[in-house]
Amino acid sequence: MPTPPVPSRIDRPTTRQLARRSGVTDWHLRHRDVVRTSRDTYLPRGGTGDVRQRVAAVLLGAPAGAVLSHRTAADLWGLEIPLQRPDDRIHLTVPPPTRIRHRADRRVHVSLVPPAQVFRRGGFPCTSPGRTWLDLAACLPPAALLAVTDQMLARGYPVAWCERMLVGAPGTRGVRTARRVLPVADRRAGSPMESVLRWLLHERGVPGPDLQHVVRDASGRFLGEADMAWPDQRLLVEFDGEVHRERRVFVNDLRRQNGLVLAGWTVLRFSSADVLGRPEAVVAAIRAALGH
């Protein structure tokens, strides 16, 4: 009868030093169900896809005063960032001076974070939503920052608090981008990629649309709700994400579009392949439909 495999003794993030204190040897750390995420940090294999476990592992070797920030803070706050390549590194902001450096599992930012801008999120020290937004302004393109800003406003974060962050950070990298984006932000945005499309139009000088516009016929019957609308020109623009490829959604979209067209509306639909791959064609189509 074959011998059953030896179960792993690593059930939480650890370092070699912590493991040895618990009687775990280097042999145990080489178990197939243990993943080495940096020179001295280990995770159970099942925890590599869990941001909280990866955060806990990185914080084991972080200095006092380290705060989760940037993309990691956004993740913990539930903010989706479009237009970015996948990055599993944990972003930390540490106070100066510091000797710690980037490594495979972490990205280090050096800055002072006032206590008022440090919150607890999931038990971890994390930059506040406003500070996270300001940090992201320094490293995101405006379209992606608009998507983050729209999500924050949708969750009730006041515009005035964003403005206060800018007033308190003169000369800080990213402030100029944040000042450009904030007046365009709208809590009614339906998805991050809708925000990206809206910024594309804003940059090209297309008049701002009404968002989540409800369309009714002459008798008041509901015909649909559009992502963006220019009611005076009877133009509706929709951004179709992945969910619109599902058969049920696709069929409903067709039926709704037919009803809107029969009611005298022009309906333009775009995907991420259009917005990212042929943005000028998207703008040209919308301009033409607006009669520009």
Protein backbone atom coordinates (compact mmCIF):
# COMPACT_ATOMS: atom_id res chain seq x y z
CA MET A 1 0.00 0.00 0.00
CA PRO A 2 1.50 3.42 -0.96
CA THR A 3 2.47 5.78 1.83
CA PRO A 4 0.13 8.83 2.01
CA PRO A 5 1.85 12.19 1.44
CA VAL A 6 3.01 14.07 4.51
CA PRO A 7 0.68 17.04 5.09
CA SER A 8 2.19 20.51 5.13
CA ARG A 9 2.79 22.11 8.53
CA ILE A 10 2.46 25.63 7.10
CA ASP A 11 -1.10 26.86 7.48
CA ARG A 12 -0.49 30.62 7.61
CA PRO A 13 2.04 33.20 6.35
CA THR A 14 5.41 32.80 8.01
CA THR A 15 9.12 33.52 7.81
CA ARG A 16 11.95 31.06 8.24
CA GLN A 17 12.70 32.47 11.70
CA LEU A 18 9.08 32.19 12.86
CA ALA A 19 8.84 28.70 11.40
CA ARG A 20 11.91 27.51 13.28
CA ARG A 21 10.50 28.85 16.54
CA SER A 22 7.50 26.60 15.93
CA GLY A 23 9.67 23.58 15.24
CA VAL A 24 9.24 23.77 11.46
CA THR A 25 12.41 22.91 9.57
CA ASP A 26 13.66 23.98 6.15
CA TRP A 27 12.57 20.57 4.93
CA HIS A 28 8.99 21.42 5.84
CA LEU A 29 9.32 24.78 4.08
CA ARG A 30 10.19 22.93 0.86
CA HIS A 31 6.86 21.07 0.94
CA ARG A 32 4.97 21.09 -2.37
CA ASP A 33 2.03 22.88 -0.68
CA VAL A 34 4.24 25.74 0.51
CA VAL A 35 5.12 28.70 -1.72
CA ARG A 36 8.14 30.90 -1.13
CA THR A 37 7.01 34.42 -2.02
CA SER A 38 10.32 36.14 -1.25
CA ARG A 39 13.75 35.27 0.13
CA ASP A 40 12.38 34.71 3.62
CA THR A 41 8.57 34.61 3.37
CA TYR A 42 6.35 31.57 2.89
CA LEU A 43 2.66 30.98 2.28
CA PRO A 44 0.45 27.92 2.12
CA ARG A 45 -0.17 27.33 -1.59
CA GLY A 46 -3.88 27.83 -1.16
CA GLY A 47 -3.31 31.34 0.17
CA THR A 48 -1.40 32.80 -2.78
CA GLY A 49 -4.60 34.02 -4.41
CA ASP A 50 -5.85 35.72 -1.23
CA VAL A 51 -4.69 39.32 -0.98
CA ARG A 52 -5.12 39.30 2.81
CA GLN A 53 -2.75 36.36 3.22
CA ARG A 54 -0.20 37.99 0.92
CA VAL A 55 -0.55 41.22 2.90
CA ALA A 56 -0.01 39.37 6.17
CA ALA A 57 3.11 37.72 4.74
CA VAL A 58 4.64 41.01 3.58
CA LEU A 59 3.87 42.78 6.85
CA LEU A 60 5.87 40.14 8.72
CA GLY A 61 9.04 41.74 7.35
CA ALA A 62 7.87 45.35 7.22
CA PRO A 63 9.25 48.08 9.50
CA ALA A 64 7.21 49.86 12.15
CA GLY A 65 4.99 52.49 10.62
CA ALA A 66 4.52 50.66 7.32
CA VAL A 67 1.08 51.24 5.80
CA LEU A 68 -0.65 49.43 2.95
CA SER A 69 -1.13 51.89 0.12
CA HIS A 70 -1.66 52.52 -3.59
CA ARG A 71 -3.06 49.52 -5.50
CA THR A 72 -3.17 47.31 -2.41
CA ALA A 73 -5.13 49.90 -0.45
CA ALA A 74 -7.49 50.31 -3.40
CA ASP A 75 -8.00 46.55 -3.45
CA LEU A 76 -8.78 46.50 0.27
CA TRP A 77 -11.25 49.37 -0.19
CA GLY A 78 -12.89 47.44 -3.04
CA LEU A 79 -11.90 49.92 -5.74
CA GLU A 80 -11.35 48.51 -9.22
CA ILE A 81 -8.55 50.07 -11.29
CA PRO A 82 -8.85 49.67 -15.07
CA LEU A 83 -6.08 49.95 -17.68
CA GLN A 84 -3.47 48.33 -15.42
CA ARG A 85 -1.54 45.12 -15.88
CA PRO A 86 -2.01 42.48 -13.19
CA ASP A 87 0.31 43.07 -10.23
CA ASP A 88 0.24 40.76 -7.22
CA ARG A 89 2.86 42.74 -5.30
CA ILE A 90 1.79 44.31 -2.03
CA HIS A 91 2.26 48.08 -2.02
CA LEU A 92 3.66 49.53 1.18
CA THR A 93 4.35 53.11 2.17
CA VAL A 94 7.08 53.41 4.80
CA PRO A 95 8.39 56.51 6.58
CA PRO A 96 11.82 57.88 5.70
CA PRO A 97 14.59 57.03 6.17
CA THR A 98 14.37 53.36 5.28
CA ARG A 99 16.62 50.59 4.04
CA ILE A 100 13.94 48.21 2.81
CA ARG A 101 13.71 47.74 -0.93
CA HIS A 102 11.38 46.31 -3.52
CA ARG A 103 11.28 42.57 -3.85
CA ALA A 104 9.21 39.98 -5.69
CA ASP A 105 6.24 40.27 -3.34
CA ARG A 106 6.27 43.98 -2.43
CA ARG A 107 6.55 47.47 -3.90
CA VAL A 108 7.93 50.05 -1.48
CA HIS A 109 6.97 53.75 -1.46
CA VAL A 110 8.72 56.15 0.90
CA SER A 111 6.58 58.93 2.36
CA LEU A 112 5.17 60.23 5.62
CA VAL A 113 1.53 59.30 6.14
CA PRO A 114 -0.15 61.41 8.86
CA PRO A 115 -2.02 59.38 11.50
CA ALA A 116 -5.31 60.92 10.33
CA GLN A 117 -4.76 59.27 6.93
CA VAL A 118 -4.23 55.76 8.36
CA PHE A 119 -7.27 53.52 8.79
CA ARG A 120 -7.64 49.86 9.75
CA ARG A 121 -8.98 47.70 6.97
CA GLY A 122 -9.40 43.98 7.55
CA GLY A 123 -7.19 44.37 10.61
CA PHE A 124 -4.33 45.92 8.63
CA PRO A 125 -3.01 49.51 8.61
CA CYS A 126 -4.13 51.05 5.36
CA THR A 127 -4.17 54.52 3.81
CA SER A 128 -7.53 56.27 4.01
CA PRO A 129 -9.68 56.42 0.86
CA GLY A 130 -8.65 60.04 0.28
CA ARG A 131 -4.95 59.36 0.73
CA THR A 132 -5.24 56.26 -1.45
CA TRP A 133 -6.86 58.38 -4.17
CA LEU A 134 -4.09 60.99 -3.95
CA ASP A 135 -1.38 58.31 -4.08
CA LEU A 136 -2.99 56.73 -7.14
CA ALA A 137 -3.16 60.13 -8.84
CA ALA A 138 0.64 60.08 -8.97
CA CYS A 139 0.85 56.79 -10.85
CA LEU A 140 -2.36 56.31 -12.85
CA PRO A 141 -3.42 57.82 -16.18
CA PRO A 142 -6.35 60.25 -15.86
CA ALA A 143 -8.88 57.79 -17.32
CA ALA A 144 -8.07 55.17 -14.68
CA LEU A 145 -8.09 57.77 -11.91
CA LEU A 146 -11.52 58.95 -13.06
CA ALA A 147 -12.80 55.38 -12.74
CA VAL A 148 -11.48 55.22 -9.16
CA THR A 149 -12.96 58.65 -8.35
CA ASP A 150 -16.37 57.69 -9.74
CA GLN A 151 -16.42 54.57 -7.55
CA MET A 152 -15.50 56.58 -4.45
CA LEU A 153 -18.28 59.09 -5.08
CA ALA A 154 -20.74 56.25 -5.69
CA ARG A 155 -19.94 54.93 -2.21
CA GLY A 156 -20.65 58.27 -0.62
CA TYR A 157 -17.15 59.69 -0.36
CA PRO A 158 -17.69 63.48 -0.54
CA VAL A 159 -16.15 65.56 -3.31
CA ALA A 160 -15.31 68.12 -0.64
CA TRP A 161 -13.00 65.62 1.07
CA CYS A 162 -11.14 65.06 -2.21
CA GLU A 163 -10.79 68.82 -2.57
CA ARG A 164 -9.48 69.02 0.99
CA MET A 165 -6.83 66.41 0.18
CA LEU A 166 -5.65 68.54 -2.74
CA VAL A 167 -5.53 71.72 -0.68
CA GLY A 168 -3.37 69.94 1.89
CA ALA A 169 -0.91 68.58 -0.69
CA PRO A 170 0.46 71.52 -2.70
CA GLY A 171 3.25 70.49 -5.02
CA THR A 172 2.66 66.79 -4.44
CA ARG A 173 3.11 64.56 -7.47
CA GLY A 174 -0.27 63.68 -8.95
CA VAL A 175 -2.15 66.75 -7.70
CA ARG A 176 -2.34 68.23 -11.19
CA THR A 177 -3.89 65.04 -12.58
CA ALA A 178 -6.33 64.86 -9.67
CA ARG A 179 -7.42 68.46 -10.25
CA ARG A 180 -8.15 67.68 -13.91
CA VAL A 181 -10.14 64.56 -13.09
CA LEU A 182 -12.22 65.64 -10.10
CA PRO A 183 -14.60 68.03 -11.95
CA VAL A 184 -15.46 65.24 -14.42
CA ALA A 185 -16.21 62.62 -11.74
CA ASP A 186 -19.77 61.38 -11.40
CA ARG A 187 -21.17 58.88 -8.91
CA ARG A 188 -23.65 57.61 -11.53
CA ALA A 189 -20.96 55.91 -13.62
CA GLY A 190 -21.97 52.30 -14.17
CA SER A 191 -18.56 50.67 -14.51
CA PRO A 192 -14.84 51.52 -14.57
CA MET A 193 -14.65 51.14 -18.34
CA GLU A 194 -17.62 53.48 -18.78
CA SER A 195 -15.53 56.01 -16.87
CA VAL A 196 -12.62 55.38 -19.24
CA LEU A 197 -14.89 56.01 -22.24
CA ARG A 198 -16.22 59.18 -20.64
CA TRP A 199 -12.70 60.52 -20.12
CA LEU A 200 -11.87 59.75 -23.75
CA LEU A 201 -14.82 61.88 -24.85
CA HIS A 202 -14.00 64.62 -22.37
CA GLU A 203 -10.43 64.86 -23.63
CA ARG A 204 -11.64 65.17 -27.23
CA GLY A 205 -14.04 68.00 -26.34
CA VAL A 206 -17.27 66.03 -26.77
CA PRO A 207 -20.08 67.55 -24.66
CA GLY A 208 -20.65 65.69 -21.42
CA PRO A 209 -23.44 63.08 -21.46
CA ASP A 210 -26.23 62.39 -19.01
CA LEU A 211 -25.42 59.13 -17.19
CA GLN A 212 -27.75 56.20 -16.57
CA HIS A 213 -30.43 57.96 -18.57
CA VAL A 214 -33.92 56.44 -18.34
CA VAL A 215 -35.83 56.36 -21.63
CA ARG A 216 -39.63 56.20 -21.82
CA ASP A 217 -42.01 56.33 -24.76
CA ALA A 218 -44.72 58.93 -25.29
CA SER A 219 -47.07 57.08 -22.96
CA GLY A 220 -44.47 56.89 -20.18
CA ARG A 221 -43.66 53.21 -20.68
CA PHE A 222 -40.10 52.28 -19.66
CA LEU A 223 -37.94 51.41 -22.66
CA GLY A 224 -34.53 51.15 -21.06
CA GLU A 225 -31.69 52.81 -19.20
CA ALA A 226 -28.59 53.85 -21.12
CA ASP A 227 -25.03 54.29 -19.85
CA MET A 228 -24.70 57.67 -21.57
CA ALA A 229 -27.22 59.87 -23.31
CA TRP A 230 -27.47 63.13 -25.19
CA PRO A 231 -31.28 63.55 -24.98
CA ASP A 232 -31.48 66.62 -27.23
CA GLN A 233 -29.86 64.66 -30.05
CA ARG A 234 -31.68 61.44 -29.07
CA LEU A 235 -28.36 59.61 -28.89
CA LEU A 236 -27.60 56.74 -26.52
CA VAL A 237 -24.16 55.20 -26.01
CA GLU A 238 -23.59 51.88 -24.27
CA PHE A 239 -20.38 50.23 -23.10
CA ASP A 240 -20.68 46.45 -23.31
CA GLY A 241 -18.50 44.58 -20.83
CA GLU A 242 -17.96 40.84 -20.59
CA VAL A 243 -21.38 40.22 -19.03
CA HIS A 244 -23.06 41.31 -22.27
CA ARG A 245 -21.66 38.21 -23.98
CA GLU A 246 -23.88 35.95 -21.91
CA ARG A 247 -26.74 34.67 -24.02
CA ARG A 248 -29.56 35.91 -21.78
CA VAL A 249 -28.03 39.39 -21.49
CA PHE A 250 -27.25 39.50 -25.22
CA VAL A 251 -30.84 38.65 -26.16
CA ASN A 252 -32.25 41.23 -23.75
CA ASP A 253 -29.84 43.85 -25.14
CA LEU A 254 -31.08 43.21 -28.69
CA ARG A 255 -34.73 43.47 -27.72
CA ARG A 256 -34.15 46.63 -25.74
CA GLN A 257 -32.11 48.20 -28.56
CA ASN A 258 -34.85 47.45 -31.09
CA GLY A 259 -37.40 49.19 -28.88
CA LEU A 260 -35.19 52.24 -28.48
CA VAL A 261 -34.48 52.51 -32.21
CA LEU A 262 -38.18 52.21 -33.03
CA ALA A 263 -38.82 55.02 -30.55
CA GLY A 264 -36.50 57.29 -32.54
CA TRP A 265 -33.21 56.95 -30.64
CA THR A 266 -29.79 56.32 -32.17
CA VAL A 267 -27.97 53.62 -30.17
CA LEU A 268 -24.18 53.16 -30.39
CA ARG A 269 -22.53 50.27 -28.56
CA PHE A 270 -18.82 49.88 -27.88
CA SER A 271 -16.60 47.31 -26.20
CA SER A 272 -13.17 47.54 -24.61
CA ALA A 273 -11.71 46.49 -27.98
CA ASP A 274 -13.12 49.74 -29.40
CA VAL A 275 -12.29 52.06 -26.50
CA LEU A 276 -8.74 50.77 -26.12
CA GLY A 277 -7.97 49.62 -29.66
CA ARG A 278 -9.59 52.27 -31.84
CA PRO A 279 -10.45 55.25 -29.64
CA GLU A 280 -10.45 57.82 -32.45
CA ALA A 281 -13.05 55.79 -34.35
CA VAL A 282 -15.23 55.75 -31.24
CA VAL A 283 -15.00 59.52 -30.87
CA ALA A 284 -15.68 60.03 -34.59
CA ALA A 285 -18.79 57.86 -34.45
CA ILE A 286 -20.20 59.72 -31.47
CA ARG A 287 -19.37 63.10 -33.02
CA ALA A 288 -21.13 62.08 -36.23
CA ALA A 289 -24.21 60.94 -34.33
CA LEU A 290 -24.26 64.26 -32.46
CA GLY A 291 -24.11 66.11 -35.77
CA HIS A 292 -20.69 67.66 -35.11
